[in-house]
All heavy atoms as atom14 arrays in JSON, in Angstrom:
{
  "sequence": "FDMHPATDDLDTYFDWDNYRADLGGIDPQRAELYRLCEAR",
  "atom14_mask": [
    [1, 1, 1, 1, 1, 1, 1, 1, 1, 1, 1, 0, 0, 0],
    [1, 1, 1, 1, 1, 1, 1, 1, 0, 0, 0, 0, 0, 0],
    [1, 1, 1, 1, 1, 1, 1, 1, 0, 0, 0, 0, 0, 0],
    [1, 1, 1, 1, 1, 1, 1, 1, 1, 1, 0, 0, 0, 0],
    [1, 1, 1, 1, 1, 1, 1, 0, 0, 0, 0, 0, 0, 0],
    [1, 1, 1, 1, 1, 0, 0, 0, 0, 0, 0, 0, 0, 0],
    [1, 1, 1, 1, 1, 1, 1, 0, 0, 0, 0, 0, 0, 0],
    [1, 1, 1, 1, 1, 1, 1, 1, 0, 0, 0, 0, 0, 0],
    [1, 1, 1, 1, 1, 1, 1, 1, 0, 0, 0, 0, 0, 0],
    [1, 1, 1, 1, 1, 1, 1, 1, 0, 0, 0, 0, 0, 0],
    [1, 1, 1, 1, 1, 1, 1, 1, 0, 0, 0, 0, 0, 0],
    [1, 1, 1, 1, 1, 1, 1, 0, 0, 0, 0, 0, 0, 0],
    [1, 1, 1, 1, 1, 1, 1, 1, 1, 1, 1, 1, 0, 0],
    [1, 1, 1, 1, 1, 1, 1, 1, 1, 1, 1, 0, 0, 0],
    [1, 1, 1, 1, 1, 1, 1, 1, 0, 0, 0, 0, 0, 0],
    [1, 1, 1, 1, 1, 1, 1, 1, 1, 1, 1, 1, 1, 1],
    [1, 1, 1, 1, 1, 1, 1, 1, 0, 0, 0, 0, 0, 0],
    [1, 1, 1, 1, 1, 1, 1, 1, 0, 0, 0, 0, 0, 0],
    [1, 1, 1, 1, 1, 1, 1, 1, 1, 1, 1, 1, 0, 0],
    [1, 1, 1, 1, 1, 1, 1, 1, 1, 1, 1, 0, 0, 0],
    [1, 1, 1, 1, 1, 0, 0, 0, 0, 0, 0, 0, 0, 0],
    [1, 1, 1, 1, 1, 1, 1, 1, 0, 0, 0, 0, 0, 0],
    [1, 1, 1, 1, 1, 1, 1, 1, 0, 0, 0, 0, 0, 0],
    [1, 1, 1, 1, 0, 0, 0, 0, 0, 0, 0, 0, 0, 0],
    [1, 1, 1, 1, 0, 0, 0, 0, 0, 0, 0, 0, 0, 0],
    [1, 1, 1, 1, 1, 1, 1, 1, 0, 0, 0, 0, 0, 0],
    [1, 1, 1, 1, 1, 1, 1, 1, 0, 0, 0, 0, 0, 0],
    [1, 1, 1, 1, 1, 1, 1, 0, 0, 0, 0, 0, 0, 0],
    [1, 1, 1, 1, 1, 1, 1, 1, 1, 0, 0, 0, 0, 0],
    [1, 1, 1, 1, 1, 1, 1, 1, 1, 1, 1, 0, 0, 0],
    [1, 1, 1, 1, 1, 0, 0, 0, 0, 0, 0, 0, 0, 0],
    [1, 1, 1, 1, 1, 1, 1, 1, 1, 0, 0, 0, 0, 0],
    [1, 1, 1, 1, 1, 1, 1, 1, 0, 0, 0, 0, 0, 0],
    [1, 1, 1, 1, 1, 1, 1, 1, 1, 1, 1, 1, 0, 0],
    [1, 1, 1, 1, 1, 1, 1, 1, 1, 1, 1, 0, 0, 0],
    [1, 1, 1, 1, 1, 1, 1, 1, 0, 0, 0, 0, 0, 0],
    [1, 1, 1, 1, 1, 1, 0, 0, 0, 0, 0, 0, 0, 0],
    [1, 1, 1, 1, 1, 1, 1, 1, 1, 0, 0, 0, 0, 0],
    [1, 1, 1, 1, 1, 0, 0, 0, 0, 0, 0, 0, 0, 0],
    [1, 1, 1, 1, 1, 1, 1, 1, 1, 1, 1, 0, 0, 0]
  ],
  "atom14_positions": [
    [[-33.39, 187.63, -16.8], [-33.67, 187.86, -15.38], [-32.97, 186.83, -14.51], [-32.56, 187.14, -13.39], [-35.18, 187.77, -15.13], [-35.98, 188.95, -15.58], [-35.44, 189.93, -16.4], [-37.29, 189.1, -15.18], [-36.18, 191.02, -16.82], [-38.05, 190.19, -15.58], [-37.5, 191.15, -16.4], [0.0, 0.0, 0.0], [0.0, 0.0, 0.0], [0.0, 0.0, 0.0]],
    [[-32.85, 185.61, -14.99], [-32.29, 184.54, -14.16], [-30.82, 184.76, -13.82], [-30.31, 184.14, -12.89], [-32.45, 183.19, -14.86], [-33.68, 182.45, -14.39], [-34.45, 183.02, -13.6], [-33.89, 181.3, -14.81], [0.0, 0.0, 0.0], [0.0, 0.0, 0.0], [0.0, 0.0, 0.0], [0.0, 0.0, 0.0], [0.0, 0.0, 0.0], [0.0, 0.0, 0.0]],
    [[-30.15, 185.63, -14.54], [-28.75, 185.89, -14.22], [-28.59, 187.0, -13.21], [-27.48, 187.27, -12.74], [-27.99, 186.25, -15.49], [-27.88, 185.09, -16.45], [-26.93, 185.58, -17.88], [-27.87, 186.99, -18.41], [0.0, 0.0, 0.0], [0.0, 0.0, 0.0], [0.0, 0.0, 0.0], [0.0, 0.0, 0.0], [0.0, 0.0, 0.0], [0.0, 0.0, 0.0]],
    [[-29.68, 187.66, -12.86], [-29.59, 188.84, -12.03], [-29.82, 188.49, -10.56], [-30.79, 187.82, -10.23], [-30.63, 189.88, -12.47], [-30.24, 191.28, -12.18], [-30.2, 191.77, -10.89], [-29.87, 192.3, -12.97], [-29.82, 193.04, -10.93], [-29.62, 193.38, -12.17], [0.0, 0.0, 0.0], [0.0, 0.0, 0.0], [0.0, 0.0, 0.0], [0.0, 0.0, 0.0]],
    [[-28.94, 188.91, -9.65], [-29.15, 188.64, -8.23], [-30.46, 189.24, -7.73], [-31.02, 190.16, -8.33], [-27.94, 189.32, -7.56], [-26.92, 189.43, -8.64], [-27.69, 189.63, -9.91], [0.0, 0.0, 0.0], [0.0, 0.0, 0.0], [0.0, 0.0, 0.0], [0.0, 0.0, 0.0], [0.0, 0.0, 0.0], [0.0, 0.0, 0.0], [0.0, 0.0, 0.0]],
    [[-30.94, 188.74, -6.61], [-32.19, 189.2, -6.03], [-32.16, 190.71, -5.81], [-31.15, 191.27, -5.38], [-32.46, 188.49, -4.7], [0.0, 0.0, 0.0], [0.0, 0.0, 0.0], [0.0, 0.0, 0.0], [0.0, 0.0, 0.0], [0.0, 0.0, 0.0], [0.0, 0.0, 0.0], [0.0, 0.0, 0.0], [0.0, 0.0, 0.0], [0.0, 0.0, 0.0]],
    [[-33.26, 191.35, -6.11], [-33.37, 192.79, -5.9], [-34.83, 193.13, -5.67], [-35.72, 192.41, -6.11], [-32.84, 193.58, -7.12], [-33.04, 194.99, -6.89], [-33.57, 193.2, -8.39], [0.0, 0.0, 0.0], [0.0, 0.0, 0.0], [0.0, 0.0, 0.0], [0.0, 0.0, 0.0], [0.0, 0.0, 0.0], [0.0, 0.0, 0.0], [0.0, 0.0, 0.0]],
    [[-35.07, 194.24, -4.97], [-36.44, 194.68, -4.8], [-36.77, 195.83, -5.76], [-37.82, 196.47, -5.64], [-36.72, 195.12, -3.35], [-35.76, 196.21, -2.87], [-35.11, 196.85, -3.72], [-35.66, 196.42, -1.65], [0.0, 0.0, 0.0], [0.0, 0.0, 0.0], [0.0, 0.0, 0.0], [0.0, 0.0, 0.0], [0.0, 0.0, 0.0], [0.0, 0.0, 0.0]],
    [[-35.91, 196.05, -6.73], [-36.13, 197.11, -7.72], [-36.33, 196.47, -9.08], [-35.38, 196.1, -9.77], [-34.92, 198.06, -7.76], [-35.11, 199.2, -8.75], [-36.19, 199.28, -9.38], [-34.18, 200.0, -8.91], [0.0, 0.0, 0.0], [0.0, 0.0, 0.0], [0.0, 0.0, 0.0], [0.0, 0.0, 0.0], [0.0, 0.0, 0.0], [0.0, 0.0, 0.0]],
    [[-37.58, 196.32, -9.5], [-37.91, 195.66, -10.75], [-37.29, 196.36, -11.95], [-36.94, 195.72, -12.95], [-39.43, 195.57, -10.92], [-39.96, 194.84, -12.15], [-39.48, 193.41, -12.19], [-41.47, 194.91, -12.2], [0.0, 0.0, 0.0], [0.0, 0.0, 0.0], [0.0, 0.0, 0.0], [0.0, 0.0, 0.0], [0.0, 0.0, 0.0], [0.0, 0.0, 0.0]],
    [[-37.12, 197.68, -11.87], [-36.57, 198.42, -13.0], [-35.17, 197.94, -13.38], [-34.77, 198.03, -14.54], [-36.53, 199.92, -12.7], [-37.92, 200.55, -12.65], [-38.85, 199.94, -13.22], [-38.07, 201.61, -12.04], [0.0, 0.0, 0.0], [0.0, 0.0, 0.0], [0.0, 0.0, 0.0], [0.0, 0.0, 0.0], [0.0, 0.0, 0.0], [0.0, 0.0, 0.0]],
    [[-34.42, 197.44, -12.41], [-33.05, 197.01, -12.72], [-33.06, 195.82, -13.68], [-32.11, 195.61, -14.42], [-32.29, 196.61, -11.45], [-32.92, 195.47, -10.84], [-32.25, 197.74, -10.45], [0.0, 0.0, 0.0], [0.0, 0.0, 0.0], [0.0, 0.0, 0.0], [0.0, 0.0, 0.0], [0.0, 0.0, 0.0], [0.0, 0.0, 0.0], [0.0, 0.0, 0.0]],
    [[-34.14, 195.04, -13.67], [-34.2, 193.89, -14.57], [-34.29, 194.33, -16.04], [-33.96, 193.57, -16.94], [-35.4, 193.01, -14.23], [-35.3, 192.31, -12.91], [-36.35, 192.37, -11.99], [-34.16, 191.59, -12.56], [-36.27, 191.72, -10.77], [-34.08, 190.94, -11.33], [-35.14, 191.01, -10.45], [-35.05, 190.37, -9.24], [0.0, 0.0, 0.0], [0.0, 0.0, 0.0]],
    [[-34.8, 195.53, -16.26], [-34.98, 196.02, -17.62], [-33.9, 197.03, -18.03], [-33.96, 197.61, -19.11], [-36.37, 196.65, -17.79], [-37.48, 195.64, -17.73], [-38.26, 195.53, -16.6], [-37.71, 194.79, -18.79], [-39.28, 194.6, -16.53], [-38.73, 193.85, -18.74], [-39.52, 193.76, -17.61], [0.0, 0.0, 0.0], [0.0, 0.0, 0.0], [0.0, 0.0, 0.0]],
    [[-32.94, 197.23, -17.15], [-31.8, 198.09, -17.48], [-30.64, 197.18, -17.85], [-29.92, 196.67, -17.0], [-31.44, 198.98, -16.28], [-30.31, 199.96, -16.61], [-29.71, 199.83, -17.7], [-30.03, 200.83, -15.77], [0.0, 0.0, 0.0], [0.0, 0.0, 0.0], [0.0, 0.0, 0.0], [0.0, 0.0, 0.0], [0.0, 0.0, 0.0], [0.0, 0.0, 0.0]],
    [[-30.44, 196.99, -19.16], [-29.47, 195.99, -19.61], [-28.05, 196.33, -19.23], [-27.19, 195.46, -19.17], [-29.57, 195.8, -21.12], [-30.84, 195.21, -21.63], [-31.37, 195.41, -22.87], [-31.75, 194.29, -20.99], [-32.53, 194.69, -23.03], [-32.79, 193.99, -21.89], [-31.79, 193.69, -19.73], [-33.84, 193.12, -21.59], [-32.85, 192.84, -19.42], [-33.85, 192.57, -20.33]],
    [[-27.77, 197.59, -18.92], [-26.42, 197.94, -18.47], [-26.05, 197.21, -17.18], [-24.87, 196.95, -16.91], [-26.3, 199.46, -18.25], [-26.26, 200.23, -19.56], [-25.99, 199.59, -20.6], [-26.51, 201.43, -19.53], [0.0, 0.0, 0.0], [0.0, 0.0, 0.0], [0.0, 0.0, 0.0], [0.0, 0.0, 0.0], [0.0, 0.0, 0.0], [0.0, 0.0, 0.0]],
    [[-27.06, 196.87, -16.39], [-26.79, 196.17, -15.13], [-26.32, 194.74, -15.36], [-25.84, 194.1, -14.42], [-28.06, 196.12, -14.27], [-28.45, 197.49, -13.75], [-27.59, 198.34, -13.56], [-29.74, 197.71, -13.56], [0.0, 0.0, 0.0], [0.0, 0.0, 0.0], [0.0, 0.0, 0.0], [0.0, 0.0, 0.0], [0.0, 0.0, 0.0], [0.0, 0.0, 0.0]],
    [[-26.44, 194.25, -16.58], [-26.12, 192.85, -16.85], [-24.67, 192.64, -17.22], [-24.2, 191.53, -17.3], [-27.02, 192.3, -17.96], [-28.42, 192.02, -17.49], [-29.33, 193.05, -17.33], [-28.83, 190.74, -17.17], [-30.61, 192.81, -16.88], [-30.1, 190.48, -16.71], [-31.0, 191.53, -16.58], [-32.25, 191.28, -16.12], [0.0, 0.0, 0.0], [0.0, 0.0, 0.0]],
    [[-23.95, 193.69, -17.46], [-22.59, 193.52, -17.97], [-21.71, 192.72, -17.01], [-20.85, 191.97, -17.44], [-21.98, 194.9, -18.25], [-22.63, 195.55, -19.48], [-22.12, 196.95, -19.73], [-22.77, 197.52, -20.91], [-22.73, 198.81, -21.21], [-22.07, 199.65, -20.43], [-23.33, 199.26, -22.28], [0.0, 0.0, 0.0], [0.0, 0.0, 0.0], [0.0, 0.0, 0.0]],
    [[-21.95, 192.88, -15.72], [-21.16, 192.13, -14.75], [-21.84, 190.84, -14.32], [-21.29, 190.08, -13.54], [-20.91, 193.0, -13.51], [0.0, 0.0, 0.0], [0.0, 0.0, 0.0], [0.0, 0.0, 0.0], [0.0, 0.0, 0.0], [0.0, 0.0, 0.0], [0.0, 0.0, 0.0], [0.0, 0.0, 0.0], [0.0, 0.0, 0.0], [0.0, 0.0, 0.0]],
    [[-23.05, 190.61, -14.83], [-23.84, 189.49, -14.33], [-23.98, 188.36, -15.35], [-24.7, 187.4, -15.1], [-25.25, 189.96, -13.97], [-25.24, 190.94, -12.81], [-24.32, 190.86, -11.98], [-26.13, 191.77, -12.75], [0.0, 0.0, 0.0], [0.0, 0.0, 0.0], [0.0, 0.0, 0.0], [0.0, 0.0, 0.0], [0.0, 0.0, 0.0], [0.0, 0.0, 0.0]],
    [[-23.34, 188.47, -16.49], [-23.54, 187.48, -17.54], [-22.66, 186.26, -17.31], [-21.85, 185.89, -18.14], [-23.23, 188.1, -18.91], [-24.13, 189.28, -19.31], [-23.74, 189.8, -20.68], [-25.58, 188.89, -19.31], [0.0, 0.0, 0.0], [0.0, 0.0, 0.0], [0.0, 0.0, 0.0], [0.0, 0.0, 0.0], [0.0, 0.0, 0.0], [0.0, 0.0, 0.0]],
    [[-22.83, 185.64, -16.15], [-21.99, 184.51, -15.82], [-22.75, 183.28, -15.42], [-22.18, 182.39, -14.8], [0.0, 0.0, 0.0], [0.0, 0.0, 0.0], [0.0, 0.0, 0.0], [0.0, 0.0, 0.0], [0.0, 0.0, 0.0], [0.0, 0.0, 0.0], [0.0, 0.0, 0.0], [0.0, 0.0, 0.0], [0.0, 0.0, 0.0], [0.0, 0.0, 0.0]],
    [[-24.02, 183.21, -15.75], [-24.8, 182.03, -15.42], [-25.98, 182.35, -14.53], [-26.15, 183.48, -14.07], [0.0, 0.0, 0.0], [0.0, 0.0, 0.0], [0.0, 0.0, 0.0], [0.0, 0.0, 0.0], [0.0, 0.0, 0.0], [0.0, 0.0, 0.0], [0.0, 0.0, 0.0], [0.0, 0.0, 0.0], [0.0, 0.0, 0.0], [0.0, 0.0, 0.0]],
    [[-26.82, 181.36, -14.3], [-28.0, 181.55, -13.49], [-27.61, 181.92, -12.07], [-26.74, 181.29, -11.46], [-28.87, 180.28, -13.5], [-29.32, 179.95, -14.92], [-30.08, 180.43, -12.59], [-30.07, 178.64, -15.03], [0.0, 0.0, 0.0], [0.0, 0.0, 0.0], [0.0, 0.0, 0.0], [0.0, 0.0, 0.0], [0.0, 0.0, 0.0], [0.0, 0.0, 0.0]],
    [[-28.25, 182.94, -11.53], [-27.99, 183.33, -10.15], [-28.31, 182.15, -9.23], [-29.38, 181.54, -9.33], [-28.88, 184.53, -9.79], [-28.7, 184.94, -8.35], [-27.61, 185.41, -8.0], [-29.65, 184.75, -7.57], [0.0, 0.0, 0.0], [0.0, 0.0, 0.0], [0.0, 0.0, 0.0], [0.0, 0.0, 0.0], [0.0, 0.0, 0.0], [0.0, 0.0, 0.0]],
    [[-27.4, 181.78, -8.33], [-27.61, 180.6, -7.49], [-28.9, 180.66, -6.67], [-29.53, 179.63, -6.43], [-26.38, 180.6, -6.58], [-25.34, 181.34, -7.34], [-26.07, 182.39, -8.13], [0.0, 0.0, 0.0], [0.0, 0.0, 0.0], [0.0, 0.0, 0.0], [0.0, 0.0, 0.0], [0.0, 0.0, 0.0], [0.0, 0.0, 0.0], [0.0, 0.0, 0.0]],
    [[-29.29, 181.86, -6.25], [-30.5, 181.98, -5.44], [-31.74, 181.61, -6.27], [-32.68, 181.0, -5.74], [-30.63, 183.41, -4.92], [-31.63, 183.57, -3.79], [-31.56, 184.94, -3.15], [-30.89, 185.84, -3.63], [-32.29, 185.11, -2.05], [0.0, 0.0, 0.0], [0.0, 0.0, 0.0], [0.0, 0.0, 0.0], [0.0, 0.0, 0.0], [0.0, 0.0, 0.0]],
    [[-31.72, 181.94, -7.55], [-32.85, 181.59, -8.41], [-32.86, 180.09, -8.71], [-33.91, 179.45, -8.67], [-32.77, 182.39, -9.7], [-33.01, 183.87, -9.5], [-32.76, 184.68, -10.77], [-33.05, 186.08, -10.52], [-34.25, 186.63, -10.64], [-35.27, 185.89, -11.01], [-34.43, 187.9, -10.38], [0.0, 0.0, 0.0], [0.0, 0.0, 0.0], [0.0, 0.0, 0.0]],
    [[-31.69, 179.55, -9.02], [-31.62, 178.11, -9.28], [-32.09, 177.32, -8.06], [-32.82, 176.33, -8.18], [-30.2, 177.72, -9.66], [0.0, 0.0, 0.0], [0.0, 0.0, 0.0], [0.0, 0.0, 0.0], [0.0, 0.0, 0.0], [0.0, 0.0, 0.0], [0.0, 0.0, 0.0], [0.0, 0.0, 0.0], [0.0, 0.0, 0.0], [0.0, 0.0, 0.0]],
    [[-31.7, 177.78, -6.89], [-32.1, 177.11, -5.66], [-33.61, 177.22, -5.46], [-34.27, 176.27, -5.01], [-31.37, 177.74, -4.47], [-31.62, 177.07, -3.14], [-30.78, 175.81, -2.94], [-30.0, 175.45, -3.84], [-30.93, 175.19, -1.87], [0.0, 0.0, 0.0], [0.0, 0.0, 0.0], [0.0, 0.0, 0.0], [0.0, 0.0, 0.0], [0.0, 0.0, 0.0]],
    [[-34.2, 178.37, -5.81], [-35.64, 178.55, -5.67], [-36.4, 177.54, -6.52], [-37.35, 176.9, -6.04], [-36.04, 179.97, -6.06], [-37.55, 180.21, -6.18], [-38.23, 180.05, -4.82], [-37.84, 181.58, -6.78], [0.0, 0.0, 0.0], [0.0, 0.0, 0.0], [0.0, 0.0, 0.0], [0.0, 0.0, 0.0], [0.0, 0.0, 0.0], [0.0, 0.0, 0.0]],
    [[-35.99, 177.38, -7.78], [-36.7, 176.46, -8.66], [-36.63, 175.03, -8.12], [-37.63, 174.29, -8.13], [-36.13, 176.52, -10.08], [-36.15, 177.9, -10.69], [-35.14, 178.32, -11.55], [-37.18, 178.8, -10.41], [-35.16, 179.59, -12.11], [-37.2, 180.07, -10.96], [-36.18, 180.46, -11.81], [-36.18, 181.72, -12.36], [0.0, 0.0, 0.0], [0.0, 0.0, 0.0]],
    [[-35.47, 174.65, -7.63], [-35.32, 173.3, -7.09], [-36.14, 173.14, -5.81], [-36.73, 172.08, -5.57], [-33.84, 173.01, -6.83], [-33.01, 172.97, -8.11], [-31.53, 173.01, -7.81], [-30.74, 173.15, -9.04], [-29.48, 173.53, -9.07], [-28.83, 173.8, -7.95], [-28.85, 173.63, -10.23], [0.0, 0.0, 0.0], [0.0, 0.0, 0.0], [0.0, 0.0, 0.0]],
    [[-36.17, 174.18, -4.99], [-36.95, 174.13, -3.76], [-38.44, 173.98, -4.07], [-39.15, 173.21, -3.4], [-36.71, 175.39, -2.94], [-37.44, 175.48, -1.6], [-36.9, 174.44, -0.63], [-37.3, 176.89, -1.01], [0.0, 0.0, 0.0], [0.0, 0.0, 0.0], [0.0, 0.0, 0.0], [0.0, 0.0, 0.0], [0.0, 0.0, 0.0], [0.0, 0.0, 0.0]],
    [[-38.92, 174.72, -5.06], [-40.34, 174.62, -5.43], [-40.68, 173.2, -5.88], [-41.72, 172.66, -5.48], [-40.66, 175.61, -6.55], [-40.78, 177.33, -6.0], [0.0, 0.0, 0.0], [0.0, 0.0, 0.0], [0.0, 0.0, 0.0], [0.0, 0.0, 0.0], [0.0, 0.0, 0.0], [0.0, 0.0, 0.0], [0.0, 0.0, 0.0], [0.0, 0.0, 0.0]],
    [[-39.82, 172.61, -6.69], [-40.1, 171.24, -7.11], [-40.05, 170.29, -5.93], [-40.9, 169.4, -5.8], [-39.1, 170.82, -8.19], [-39.31, 169.4, -8.65], [-39.3, 169.24, -10.16], [-39.54, 170.22, -10.88], [-39.04, 168.13, -10.6], [0.0, 0.0, 0.0], [0.0, 0.0, 0.0], [0.0, 0.0, 0.0], [0.0, 0.0, 0.0], [0.0, 0.0, 0.0]],
    [[-39.08, 170.46, -5.05], [-38.96, 169.56, -3.9], [-40.13, 169.71, -2.94], [-40.59, 168.72, -2.34], [-37.65, 169.84, -3.17], [0.0, 0.0, 0.0], [0.0, 0.0, 0.0], [0.0, 0.0, 0.0], [0.0, 0.0, 0.0], [0.0, 0.0, 0.0], [0.0, 0.0, 0.0], [0.0, 0.0, 0.0], [0.0, 0.0, 0.0], [0.0, 0.0, 0.0]],
    [[-40.66, 170.94, -2.78], [-41.76, 171.18, -1.85], [-43.13, 171.07, -2.53], [-44.15, 171.31, -1.9], [-41.62, 172.58, -1.23], [-40.36, 172.77, -0.4], [-40.42, 172.05, 0.93], [-39.24, 172.29, 1.75], [-39.12, 173.29, 2.62], [-40.12, 174.13, 2.8], [-38.0, 173.42, 3.32], [0.0, 0.0, 0.0], [0.0, 0.0, 0.0], [0.0, 0.0, 0.0]]
  ]
}
């Protein structure tokens, strides 16, 4: 899930075909969220 950009469609997280273009590391928005939570 962490490699997938933000979406409001939960089903896309379980459709592995959507990951073929996304297997390049943690999505920056998610990484930023985790750091923001720790900072706040």
